[in-house]
Amino acid sequence: MEIRFVSLDEGHHAWKIDERQLPIRVGSSSEAEIRLDDESVNEFHCEIDEVHGILWVRDFGSEEGTFVNGFHVTQSHILPGARLTIGTTSLRVDYVRPSVAIPEKLLA
């Protein structure tokens, strides 16, 4: 699964991440897998991981907080197309959830 994080702010940066790279850290540190040049973002602000085909974000106790679709979260799922706000930086999260196979006996 390929995951894209597209900046909704000026500059319109985009990051592509393959699920094999997860979990990733987001922050202002040069060691963060997604580095945000935003004074309101902690060095390691939050972490993004995948569980059963759905992305999850976990805030590391940041000062400015982490938001999914405008809701302040400490941990939350991120569905495709959601707006993830980290500090004052907003990103659209794009990915395609893997299909779940339905056993043939349930279709009969």
PDB file of N, CA and C in Angstrom:
ATOM      1  N   MET A   1       0.855  -1.170   0.000  1.00  0.00           N
ATOM      2  CA  MET A   1       0.000   0.000   0.000  1.00  0.00           C
ATOM      3  C   MET A   1       0.903   1.236   0.000  1.00  0.00           C
ATOM      4  N   GLU A   2       0.615   2.152  -0.917  1.00  0.00           N
ATOM      5  CA  GLU A   2       1.335   3.427  -0.969  1.00  0.00           C
ATOM      6  C   GLU A   2       0.504   4.480  -0.259  1.00  0.00           C
ATOM      7  N   ILE A   3       1.163   5.284   0.559  1.00  0.00           N
ATOM      8  CA  ILE A   3       0.499   6.322   1.337  1.00  0.00           C
ATOM      9  C   ILE A   3       1.078   7.661   0.918  1.00  0.00           C
ATOM     10  N   ARG A   4       0.209   8.631   0.659  1.00  0.00           N
ATOM     11  CA  ARG A   4       0.649   9.978   0.310  1.00  0.00           C
ATOM     12  C   ARG A   4       0.148  10.956   1.358  1.00  0.00           C
ATOM     13  N   PHE A   5       1.050  11.821   1.779  1.00  0.00           N
ATOM     14  CA  PHE A   5       0.734  12.910   2.684  1.00  0.00           C
ATOM     15  C   PHE A   5       0.929  14.187   1.879  1.00  0.00           C
ATOM     16  N   VAL A   6      -0.155  14.901   1.601  1.00  0.00           N
ATOM     17  CA  VAL A   6      -0.107  16.082   0.740  1.00  0.00           C
ATOM     18  C   VAL A   6      -0.379  17.319   1.583  1.00  0.00           C
ATOM     19  N   SER A   7       0.557  18.246   1.559  1.00  0.00           N
ATOM     20  CA  SER A   7       0.412  19.481   2.322  1.00  0.00           C
ATOM     21  C   SER A   7      -0.755  20.300   1.781  1.00  0.00           C
ATOM     22  N   LEU A   8      -1.593  20.795   2.672  1.00  0.00           N
ATOM     23  CA  LEU A   8      -2.701  21.669   2.291  1.00  0.00           C
ATOM     24  C   LEU A   8      -2.329  23.133   2.491  1.00  0.00           C
ATOM     25  N   ASP A   9      -1.103  23.370   2.898  1.00  0.00           N
ATOM     26  CA  ASP A   9      -0.621  24.717   3.168  1.00  0.00           C
ATOM     27  C   ASP A   9       0.237  25.203   1.998  1.00  0.00           C
ATOM     28  N   GLU A  10       0.760  26.416   2.126  1.00  0.00           N
ATOM     29  CA  GLU A  10       1.625  26.973   1.089  1.00  0.00           C
ATOM     30  C   GLU A  10       2.792  26.046   0.811  1.00  0.00           C
ATOM     31  N   GLY A  11       3.195  25.981  -0.443  1.00  0.00           N
ATOM     32  CA  GLY A  11       4.324  25.142  -0.825  1.00  0.00           C
ATOM     33  C   GLY A  11       3.896  23.778  -1.314  1.00  0.00           C
ATOM     34  N   HIS A  12       2.770  23.286  -0.839  1.00  0.00           N
ATOM     35  CA  HIS A  12       2.184  22.018  -1.285  1.00  0.00           C
ATOM     36  C   HIS A  12       3.197  20.891  -1.424  1.00  0.00           C
ATOM     37  N   HIS A  13       3.923  20.608  -0.356  1.00  0.00           N
ATOM     38  CA  HIS A  13       4.828  19.466  -0.345  1.00  0.00           C
ATOM     39  C   HIS A  13       4.023  18.178  -0.293  1.00  0.00           C
ATOM     40  N   ALA A  14       4.625  17.106  -0.759  1.00  0.00           N
ATOM     41  CA  ALA A  14       3.986  15.790  -0.663  1.00  0.00           C
ATOM     42  C   ALA A  14       5.049  14.764  -0.311  1.00  0.00           C
ATOM     43  N   TRP A  15       4.651  13.796   0.489  1.00  0.00           N
ATOM     44  CA  TRP A  15       5.540  12.709   0.875  1.00  0.00           C
ATOM     45  C   TRP A  15       4.873  11.405   0.487  1.00  0.00           C
ATOM     46  N   LYS A  16       5.641  10.476  -0.083  1.00  0.00           N
ATOM     47  CA  LYS A  16       5.138   9.146  -0.390  1.00  0.00           C
ATOM     48  C   LYS A  16       5.815   8.156   0.541  1.00  0.00           C
ATOM     49  N   ILE A  17       5.016   7.320   1.165  1.00  0.00           N
ATOM     50  CA  ILE A  17       5.526   6.331   2.102  1.00  0.00           C
ATOM     51  C   ILE A  17       4.960   4.975   1.691  1.00  0.00           C
ATOM     52  N   ASP A  18       5.781   3.974   1.707  1.00  0.00           N
ATOM     53  CA  ASP A  18       5.318   2.607   1.481  1.00  0.00           C
ATOM     54  C   ASP A  18       5.014   2.004   2.845  1.00  0.00           C
ATOM     55  N   GLU A  19       3.963   1.178   2.927  1.00  0.00           N
ATOM     56  CA  GLU A  19       3.577   0.621   4.230  1.00  0.00           C
ATOM     57  C   GLU A  19       4.704  -0.144   4.903  1.00  0.00           C
ATOM     58  N   ARG A  20       5.671  -0.640   4.123  1.00  0.00           N
ATOM     59  CA  ARG A  20       6.801  -1.357   4.729  1.00  0.00           C
ATOM     60  C   ARG A  20       7.705  -0.428   5.524  1.00  0.00           C
ATOM     61  N   GLN A  21       7.573   0.891   5.310  1.00  0.00           N
ATOM     62  CA  GLN A  21       8.370   1.867   6.046  1.00  0.00           C
ATOM     63  C   GLN A  21       7.742   2.215   7.400  1.00  0.00           C
ATOM     64  N   LEU A  22       6.517   1.807   7.619  1.00  0.00           N
ATOM     65  CA  LEU A  22       5.808   2.132   8.853  1.00  0.00           C
ATOM     66  C   LEU A  22       6.337   1.314  10.020  1.00  0.00           C
ATOM     67  N   PRO A  23       6.305   1.818  11.231  1.00  0.00           N
ATOM     68  CA  PRO A  23       5.797   3.128  11.623  1.00  0.00           C
ATOM     69  C   PRO A  23       6.780   4.241  11.257  1.00  0.00           C
ATOM     70  N   ILE A  24       6.231   5.437  11.077  1.00  0.00           N
ATOM     71  CA  ILE A  24       7.055   6.614  10.801  1.00  0.00           C
ATOM     72  C   ILE A  24       6.776   7.669  11.854  1.00  0.00           C
ATOM     73  N   ARG A  25       7.794   8.501  12.094  1.00  0.00           N
ATOM     74  CA  ARG A  25       7.644   9.621  13.019  1.00  0.00           C
ATOM     75  C   ARG A  25       7.531  10.911  12.212  1.00  0.00           C
ATOM     76  N   VAL A  26       6.675  11.800  12.687  1.00  0.00           N
ATOM     77  CA  VAL A  26       6.476  13.108  12.069  1.00  0.00           C
ATOM     78  C   VAL A  26       6.925  14.151  13.066  1.00  0.00           C
ATOM     79  N   GLY A  27       7.719  15.103  12.607  1.00  0.00           N
ATOM     80  CA  GLY A  27       8.182  16.155  13.506  1.00  0.00           C
ATOM     81  C   GLY A  27       9.116  17.120  12.815  1.00  0.00           C
ATOM     82  N   SER A  28       9.724  17.990  13.600  1.00  0.00           N
ATOM     83  CA  SER A  28      10.639  18.993  13.058  1.00  0.00           C
ATOM     84  C   SER A  28      12.088  18.516  13.044  1.00  0.00           C
ATOM     85  N   SER A  29      12.362  17.369  13.634  1.00  0.00           N
ATOM     86  CA  SER A  29      13.719  16.830  13.677  1.00  0.00           C
ATOM     87  C   SER A  29      14.163  16.339  12.309  1.00  0.00           C
ATOM     88  N   SER A  30      15.449  16.472  12.032  1.00  0.00           N
ATOM     89  CA  SER A  30      15.981  15.935  10.770  1.00  0.00           C
ATOM     90  C   SER A  30      15.931  14.409  10.762  1.00  0.00           C
ATOM     91  N   GLU A  31      15.718  13.800  11.921  1.00  0.00           N
ATOM     92  CA  GLU A  31      15.616  12.347  12.018  1.00  0.00           C
ATOM     93  C   GLU A  31      14.190  11.835  11.820  1.00  0.00           C
ATOM     94  N   ALA A  32      13.210  12.735  11.739  1.00  0.00           N
ATOM     95  CA  ALA A  32      11.816  12.336  11.502  1.00  0.00           C
ATOM     96  C   ALA A  32      11.660  11.910  10.046  1.00  0.00           C
ATOM     97  N   GLU A  33      10.887  10.860   9.820  1.00  0.00           N
ATOM     98  CA  GLU A  33      10.670  10.383   8.450  1.00  0.00           C
ATOM     99  C   GLU A  33       9.882  11.400   7.620  1.00  0.00           C
ATOM    100  N   ILE A  34       8.956  12.108   8.257  1.00  0.00           N
ATOM    101  CA  ILE A  34       8.307  13.257   7.620  1.00  0.00           C
ATOM    102  C   ILE A  34       8.685  14.465   8.453  1.00  0.00           C
ATOM    103  N   ARG A  35       9.514  15.315   7.860  1.00  0.00           N
ATOM    104  CA  ARG A  35      10.011  16.505   8.568  1.00  0.00           C
ATOM    105  C   ARG A  35       9.177  17.705   8.163  1.00  0.00           C
ATOM    106  N   LEU A  36       8.611  18.385   9.168  1.00  0.00           N
ATOM    107  CA  LEU A  36       7.802  19.573   8.924  1.00  0.00           C
ATOM    108  C   LEU A  36       8.544  20.803   9.423  1.00  0.00           C
ATOM    109  N   ASP A  37       8.677  21.793   8.566  1.00  0.00           N
ATOM    110  CA  ASP A  37       9.323  23.042   8.920  1.00  0.00           C
ATOM    111  C   ASP A  37       8.251  23.965   9.502  1.00  0.00           C
ATOM    112  N   ASP A  38       7.927  23.732  10.763  1.00  0.00           N
ATOM    113  CA  ASP A  38       6.832  24.421  11.430  1.00  0.00           C
ATOM    114  C   ASP A  38       7.249  24.601  12.891  1.00  0.00           C
ATOM    115  N   GLU A  39       7.336  25.844  13.344  1.00  0.00           N
ATOM    116  CA  GLU A  39       7.787  26.123  14.708  1.00  0.00           C
ATOM    117  C   GLU A  39       6.871  25.534  15.769  1.00  0.00           C
ATOM    118  N   SER A  40       5.627  25.224  15.413  1.00  0.00           N
ATOM    119  CA  SER A  40       4.688  24.681  16.395  1.00  0.00           C
ATOM    120  C   SER A  40       4.739  23.151  16.466  1.00  0.00           C
ATOM    121  N   VAL A  41       5.630  22.549  15.689  1.00  0.00           N
ATOM    122  CA  VAL A  41       5.759  21.089  15.657  1.00  0.00           C
ATOM    123  C   VAL A  41       6.946  20.673  16.507  1.00  0.00           C
ATOM    124  N   ASN A  42       6.732  19.716  17.403  1.00  0.00           N
ATOM    125  CA  ASN A  42       7.817  19.190  18.239  1.00  0.00           C
ATOM    126  C   ASN A  42       8.807  18.404  17.380  1.00  0.00           C
ATOM    127  N   GLU A  43       9.992  18.144  17.938  1.00  0.00           N
ATOM    128  CA  GLU A  43      10.998  17.368  17.204  1.00  0.00           C
ATOM    129  C   GLU A  43      10.428  16.042  16.731  1.00  0.00           C
ATOM    130  N   PHE A  44       9.790  15.316  17.632  1.00  0.00           N
ATOM    131  CA  PHE A  44       9.056  14.101  17.293  1.00  0.00           C
ATOM    132  C   PHE A  44       7.651  14.306  17.823  1.00  0.00           C
ATOM    133  N   HIS A  45       6.758  14.721  16.955  1.00  0.00           N
ATOM    134  CA  HIS A  45       5.417  15.176  17.323  1.00  0.00           C
ATOM    135  C   HIS A  45       4.434  14.009  17.453  1.00  0.00           C
ATOM    136  N   CYS A  46       4.479  13.096  16.474  1.00  0.00           N
ATOM    137  CA  CYS A  46       3.551  11.974  16.471  1.00  0.00           C
ATOM    138  C   CYS A  46       4.120  10.832  15.639  1.00  0.00           C
ATOM    139  N   GLU A  47       3.434   9.697  15.708  1.00  0.00           N
ATOM    140  CA  GLU A  47       3.844   8.514  14.957  1.00  0.00           C
ATOM    141  C   GLU A  47       2.651   8.012  14.168  1.00  0.00           C
ATOM    142  N   ILE A  48       2.912   7.519  12.963  1.00  0.00           N
ATOM    143  CA  ILE A  48       1.861   6.949  12.127  1.00  0.00           C
ATOM    144  C   ILE A  48       2.214   5.501  11.852  1.00  0.00           C
ATOM    145  N   ASP A  49       1.220   4.639  12.032  1.00  0.00           N
ATOM    146  CA  ASP A  49       1.403   3.205  11.807  1.00  0.00           C
ATOM    147  C   ASP A  49       0.147   2.657  11.146  1.00  0.00           C
ATOM    148  N   GLU A  50       0.190   1.386  10.768  1.00  0.00           N
ATOM    149  CA  GLU A  50      -0.925   0.721  10.101  1.00  0.00           C
ATOM    150  C   GLU A  50      -1.334  -0.495  10.912  1.00  0.00           C
ATOM    151  N   VAL A  51      -2.636  -0.673  11.077  1.00  0.00           N
ATOM    152  CA  VAL A  51      -3.178  -1.836  11.749  1.00  0.00           C
ATOM    153  C   VAL A  51      -4.340  -2.344  10.895  1.00  0.00           C
ATOM    154  N   HIS A  52      -4.212  -3.556  10.373  1.00  0.00           N
ATOM    155  CA  HIS A  52      -5.266  -4.185   9.563  1.00  0.00           C
ATOM    156  C   HIS A  52      -5.735  -3.295   8.411  1.00  0.00           C
ATOM    157  N   GLY A  53      -4.792  -2.656   7.722  1.00  0.00           N
ATOM    158  CA  GLY A  53      -5.126  -1.863   6.545  1.00  0.00           C
ATOM    159  C   GLY A  53      -5.607  -0.456   6.816  1.00  0.00           C
ATOM    160  N   ILE A  54      -5.606  -0.036   8.082  1.00  0.00           N
ATOM    161  CA  ILE A  54      -6.042   1.316   8.436  1.00  0.00           C
ATOM    162  C   ILE A  54      -4.884   2.034   9.124  1.00  0.00           C
ATOM    163  N   LEU A  55      -4.670   3.284   8.735  1.00  0.00           N
ATOM    164  CA  LEU A  55      -3.616   4.076   9.372  1.00  0.00           C
ATOM    165  C   LEU A  55      -4.088   4.599  10.724  1.00  0.00           C
ATOM    166  N   TRP A  56      -3.138   4.698  11.646  1.00  0.00           N
ATOM    167  CA  TRP A  56      -3.375   5.236  12.983  1.00  0.00           C
ATOM    168  C   TRP A  56      -2.314   6.277  13.294  1.00  0.00           C
ATOM    169  N   VAL A  57      -2.691   7.315  14.015  1.00  0.00           N
ATOM    170  CA  VAL A  57      -1.752   8.323  14.483  1.00  0.00           C
ATOM    171  C   VAL A  57      -1.764   8.304  16.005  1.00  0.00           C
ATOM    172  N   ARG A  58      -0.570   8.468  16.578  1.00  0.00           N
ATOM    173  CA  ARG A  58      -0.423   8.549  18.035  1.00  0.00           C
ATOM    174  C   ARG A  58       0.417   9.775  18.351  1.00  0.00           C
ATOM    175  N   ASP A  59      -0.155  10.705  19.084  1.00  0.00           N
ATOM    176  CA  ASP A  59       0.539  11.926  19.484  1.00  0.00           C
ATOM    177  C   ASP A  59       1.525  11.595  20.600  1.00  0.00           C
ATOM    178  N   PHE A  60       2.691  12.224  20.567  1.00  0.00           N
ATOM    179  CA  PHE A  60       3.723  11.984  21.583  1.00  0.00           C
ATOM    180  C   PHE A  60       3.657  13.005  22.725  1.00  0.00           C
ATOM    181  N   GLY A  61       2.479  13.542  23.020  1.00  0.00           N
ATOM    182  CA  GLY A  61       2.356  14.531  24.093  1.00  0.00           C
ATOM    183  C   GLY A  61       2.797  15.910  23.651  1.00  0.00           C
ATOM    184  N   SER A  62       2.566  16.226  22.388  1.00  0.00           N
ATOM    185  CA  SER A  62       3.008  17.502  21.829  1.00  0.00           C
ATOM    186  C   SER A  62       2.291  18.687  22.468  1.00  0.00           C
ATOM    187  N   GLU A  63       2.924  19.860  22.378  1.00  0.00           N
ATOM    188  CA  GLU A  63       2.346  21.074  22.949  1.00  0.00           C
ATOM    189  C   GLU A  63       1.159  21.574  22.139  1.00  0.00           C
ATOM    190  N   GLU A  64       1.279  21.577  20.813  1.00  0.00           N
ATOM    191  CA  GLU A  64       0.238  22.133  19.937  1.00  0.00           C
ATOM    192  C   GLU A  64      -0.829  21.115  19.568  1.00  0.00           C
ATOM    193  N   GLY A  65      -0.542  19.843  19.762  1.00  0.00           N
ATOM    194  CA  GLY A  65      -1.541  18.819  19.514  1.00  0.00           C
ATOM    195  C   GLY A  65      -1.552  18.269  18.105  1.00  0.00           C
ATOM    196  N   THR A  66      -2.312  17.190  17.954  1.00  0.00           N
ATOM    197  CA  THR A  66      -2.522  16.514  16.679  1.00  0.00           C
ATOM    198  C   THR A  66      -4.026  16.424  16.477  1.00  0.00           C
ATOM    199  N   PHE A  67      -4.482  16.696  15.254  1.00  0.00           N
ATOM    200  CA  PHE A  67      -5.902  16.743  14.953  1.00  0.00           C
ATOM    201  C   PHE A  67      -6.207  15.901  13.716  1.00  0.00           C
ATOM    202  N   VAL A  68      -7.320  15.177  13.764  1.00  0.00           N
ATOM    203  CA  VAL A  68      -7.809  14.435  12.602  1.00  0.00           C
ATOM    204  C   VAL A  68      -9.178  15.013  12.263  1.00  0.00           C
ATOM    205  N   ASN A  69      -9.282  15.580  11.065  1.00  0.00           N
ATOM    206  CA  ASN A  69     -10.523  16.228  10.615  1.00  0.00           C
ATOM    207  C   ASN A  69     -11.033  17.250  11.629  1.00  0.00           C
ATOM    208  N   GLY A  70     -10.106  17.976  12.245  1.00  0.00           N
ATOM    209  CA  GLY A  70     -10.457  19.051  13.165  1.00  0.00           C
ATOM    210  C   GLY A  70     -10.650  18.632  14.611  1.00  0.00           C
ATOM    211  N   PHE A  71     -10.591  17.330  14.906  1.00  0.00           N
ATOM    212  CA  PHE A  71     -10.764  16.844  16.273  1.00  0.00           C
ATOM    213  C   PHE A  71      -9.410  16.570  16.912  1.00  0.00           C
ATOM    214  N   HIS A  72      -9.192  17.131  18.094  1.00  0.00           N
ATOM    215  CA  HIS A  72      -7.952  16.899  18.832  1.00  0.00           C
ATOM    216  C   HIS A  72      -7.898  15.439  19.260  1.00  0.00           C
ATOM    217  N   VAL A  73      -6.773  14.765  18.968  1.00  0.00           N
ATOM    218  CA  VAL A  73      -6.651  13.346  19.297  1.00  0.00           C
ATOM    219  C   VAL A  73      -5.314  13.072  19.978  1.00  0.00           C
ATOM    220  N   THR A  74      -5.307  12.044  20.808  1.00  0.00           N
ATOM    221  CA  THR A  74      -4.041  11.525  21.322  1.00  0.00           C
ATOM    222  C   THR A  74      -3.683  10.258  20.552  1.00  0.00           C
ATOM    223  N   GLN A  75      -4.720   9.563  20.086  1.00  0.00           N
ATOM    224  CA  GLN A  75      -4.554   8.393  19.220  1.00  0.00           C
ATOM    225  C   GLN A  75      -5.848   8.253  18.422  1.00  0.00           C
ATOM    226  N   SER A  76      -5.718   8.001  17.120  1.00  0.00           N
ATOM    227  CA  SER A  76      -6.917   7.904  16.293  1.00  0.00           C
ATOM    228  C   SER A  76      -6.601   7.213  14.980  1.00  0.00           C
ATOM    229  N   HIS A  77      -7.636   6.591  14.392  1.00  0.00           N
ATOM    230  CA  HIS A  77      -7.480   6.069  13.045  1.00  0.00           C
ATOM    231  C   HIS A  77      -7.533   7.240  12.069  1.00  0.00           C
ATOM    232  N   ILE A  78      -6.958   7.022  10.884  1.00  0.00           N
ATOM    233  CA  ILE A  78      -6.959   8.025   9.818  1.00  0.00           C
ATOM    234  C   ILE A  78      -7.489   7.336   8.570  1.00  0.00           C
ATOM    235  N   LEU A  79      -8.691   7.668   8.179  1.00  0.00           N
ATOM    236  CA  LEU A  79      -9.259   7.057   6.980  1.00  0.00           C
ATOM    237  C   LEU A  79      -8.750   7.790   5.737  1.00  0.00           C
ATOM    238  N   PRO A  80      -8.786   7.134   4.570  1.00  0.00           N
ATOM    239  CA  PRO A  80      -8.334   7.785   3.332  1.00  0.00           C
ATOM    240  C   PRO A  80      -9.058   9.112   3.104  1.00  0.00           C
ATOM    241  N   GLY A  81      -8.271  10.130   2.733  1.00  0.00           N
ATOM    242  CA  GLY A  81      -8.812  11.459   2.465  1.00  0.00           C
ATOM    243  C   GLY A  81      -8.938  12.350   3.687  1.00  0.00           C
ATOM    244  N   ALA A  82      -8.590  11.838   4.862  1.00  0.00           N
ATOM    245  CA  ALA A  82      -8.710  12.623   6.093  1.00  0.00           C
ATOM    246  C   ALA A  82      -7.692  13.763   6.110  1.00  0.00           C
ATOM    247  N   ARG A  83      -8.038  14.806   6.871  1.00  0.00           N
ATOM    248  CA  ARG A  83      -7.117  15.932   7.091  1.00  0.00           C
ATOM    249  C   ARG A  83      -6.427  15.705   8.429  1.00  0.00           C
ATOM    250  N   LEU A  84      -5.106  15.614   8.392  1.00  0.00           N
ATOM    251  CA  LEU A  84      -4.282  15.438   9.579  1.00  0.00           C
ATOM    252  C   LEU A  84      -3.560  16.753   9.832  1.00  0.00           C
ATOM    253  N   THR A  85      -3.800  17.354  11.003  1.00  0.00           N
ATOM    254  CA  THR A  85      -3.156  18.622  11.334  1.00  0.00           C
ATOM    255  C   THR A  85      -2.185  18.375  12.472  1.00  0.00           C
ATOM    256  N   ILE A  86      -0.937  18.764  12.216  1.00  0.00           N
ATOM    257  CA  ILE A  86       0.152  18.571  13.162  1.00  0.00           C
ATOM    258  C   ILE A  86       0.737  19.956  13.421  1.00  0.00           C
ATOM    259  N   GLY A  87       0.552  20.452  14.631  1.00  0.00           N
ATOM    260  CA  GLY A  87       0.919  21.840  14.898  1.00  0.00           C
ATOM    261  C   GLY A  87      -0.017  22.724  14.096  1.00  0.00           C
ATOM    262  N   THR A  88       0.544  23.528  13.194  1.00  0.00           N
ATOM    263  CA  THR A  88      -0.291  24.350  12.317  1.00  0.00           C
ATOM    264  C   THR A  88      -0.235  23.858  10.871  1.00  0.00           C
ATOM    265  N   THR A  89       0.389  22.720  10.644  1.00  0.00           N
ATOM    266  CA  THR A  89       0.515  22.154   9.296  1.00  0.00           C
ATOM    267  C   THR A  89      -0.586  21.130   9.051  1.00  0.00           C
ATOM    268  N   SER A  90      -1.321  21.306   7.949  1.00  0.00           N
ATOM    269  CA  SER A  90      -2.386  20.365   7.592  1.00  0.00           C
ATOM    270  C   SER A  90      -1.979  19.534   6.384  1.00  0.00           C
ATOM    271  N   LEU A  91      -2.247  18.236   6.484  1.00  0.00           N
ATOM    272  CA  LEU A  91      -1.928  17.281   5.418  1.00  0.00           C
ATOM    273  C   LEU A  91      -3.171  16.478   5.078  1.00  0.00           C
ATOM    274  N   ARG A  92      -3.364  16.211   3.788  1.00  0.00           N
ATOM    275  CA  ARG A  92      -4.389  15.256   3.378  1.00  0.00           C
ATOM    276  C   ARG A  92      -3.710  13.901   3.275  1.00  0.00           C
ATOM    277  N   VAL A  93      -4.318  12.887   3.846  1.00  0.00           N
ATOM    278  CA  VAL A  93      -3.740  11.548   3.863  1.00  0.00           C
ATOM    279  C   VAL A  93      -4.472  10.699   2.824  1.00  0.00           C
ATOM    280  N   ASP A  94      -3.749  10.271   1.797  1.00  0.00           N
ATOM    281  CA  ASP A  94      -4.331   9.478   0.713  1.00  0.00           C
ATOM    282  C   ASP A  94      -3.733   8.086   0.699  1.00  0.00           C
ATOM    283  N   TYR A  95      -4.588   7.095   0.709  1.00  0.00           N
ATOM    284  CA  TYR A  95      -4.169   5.706   0.542  1.00  0.00           C
ATOM    285  C   TYR A  95      -5.392   4.887   0.192  1.00  0.00           C
ATOM    286  N   VAL A  96      -5.159   3.696  -0.327  1.00  0.00           N
ATOM    287  CA  VAL A  96      -6.250   2.790  -0.657  1.00  0.00           C
ATOM    288  C   VAL A  96      -6.178   1.631   0.307  1.00  0.00           C
ATOM    289  N   ARG A  97      -7.265   1.435   1.032  1.00  0.00           N
ATOM    290  CA  ARG A  97      -7.311   0.317   1.973  1.00  0.00           C
ATOM    291  C   ARG A  97      -7.361  -0.985   1.193  1.00  0.00           C
ATOM    292  N   PRO A  98      -6.641  -2.002   1.645  1.00  0.00           N
ATOM    293  CA  PRO A  98      -6.679  -3.281   0.938  1.00  0.00           C
ATOM    294  C   PRO A  98      -8.072  -3.898   1.025  1.00  0.00           C
ATOM    295  N   SER A  99      -8.440  -4.603  -0.046  1.00  0.00           N
ATOM    296  CA  SER A  99      -9.731  -5.291  -0.066  1.00  0.00           C
ATOM    297  C   SER A  99      -9.698  -6.471   0.888  1.00  0.00           C
ATOM    298  N   VAL A 100     -10.810  -6.727   1.481  1.00  0.00           N
ATOM    299  CA  VAL A 100     -10.941  -7.884   2.369  1.00  0.00           C
ATOM    300  C   VAL A 100     -11.671  -8.968   1.593  1.00  0.00           C
ATOM    301  N   ALA A 101     -11.059 -10.118   1.486  1.00  0.00           N
ATOM    302  CA  ALA A 101     -11.676 -11.216   0.761  1.00  0.00           C
ATOM    303  C   ALA A 101     -12.850 -11.779   1.555  1.00  0.00           C
ATOM    304  N   ILE A 102     -13.969 -11.978   0.869  1.00  0.00           N
ATOM    305  CA  ILE A 102     -15.164 -12.554   1.493  1.00  0.00           C
ATOM    306  C   ILE A 102     -15.233 -14.025   1.090  1.00  0.00           C
ATOM    307  N   PRO A 103     -15.255 -14.934   2.044  1.00  0.00           N
ATOM    308  CA  PRO A 103     -15.315 -16.361   1.712  1.00  0.00           C
ATOM    309  C   PRO A 103     -16.519 -16.649   0.828  1.00  0.00           C
ATOM    310  N   GLU A 104     -16.305 -17.533  -0.179  1.00  0.00           N
ATOM    311  CA  GLU A 104     -17.367 -17.863  -1.141  1.00  0.00           C
ATOM    312  C   GLU A 104     -18.625 -18.383  -0.470  1.00  0.00           C
ATOM    313  N   LYS A 105     -18.494 -19.129   0.627  1.00  0.00           N
ATOM    314  CA  LYS A 105     -19.674 -19.689   1.297  1.00  0.00           C
ATOM    315  C   LYS A 105     -20.591 -18.596   1.841  1.00  0.00           C
ATOM    316  N   LEU A 106     -20.047 -17.391   2.091  1.00  0.00           N
ATOM    317  CA  LEU A 106     -20.879 -16.295   2.569  1.00  0.00           C
ATOM    318  C   LEU A 106     -21.617 -15.624   1.416  1.00  0.00           C
ATOM    319  N   LEU A 107     -21.094 -15.778   0.200  1.00  0.00           N
ATOM    320  CA  LEU A 107     -21.722 -15.162  -0.964  1.00  0.00           C
ATOM    321  C   LEU A 107     -22.843 -16.020  -1.531  1.00  0.00           C
ATOM    322  N   ALA A 108     -22.887 -17.318  -1.185  1.00  0.00           N
ATOM    323  CA  ALA A 108     -23.882 -18.239  -1.750  1.00  0.00           C
ATOM    324  C   ALA A 108     -25.240 -18.047  -1.141  1.00  0.00           C
TER     325      ALA A 108
END
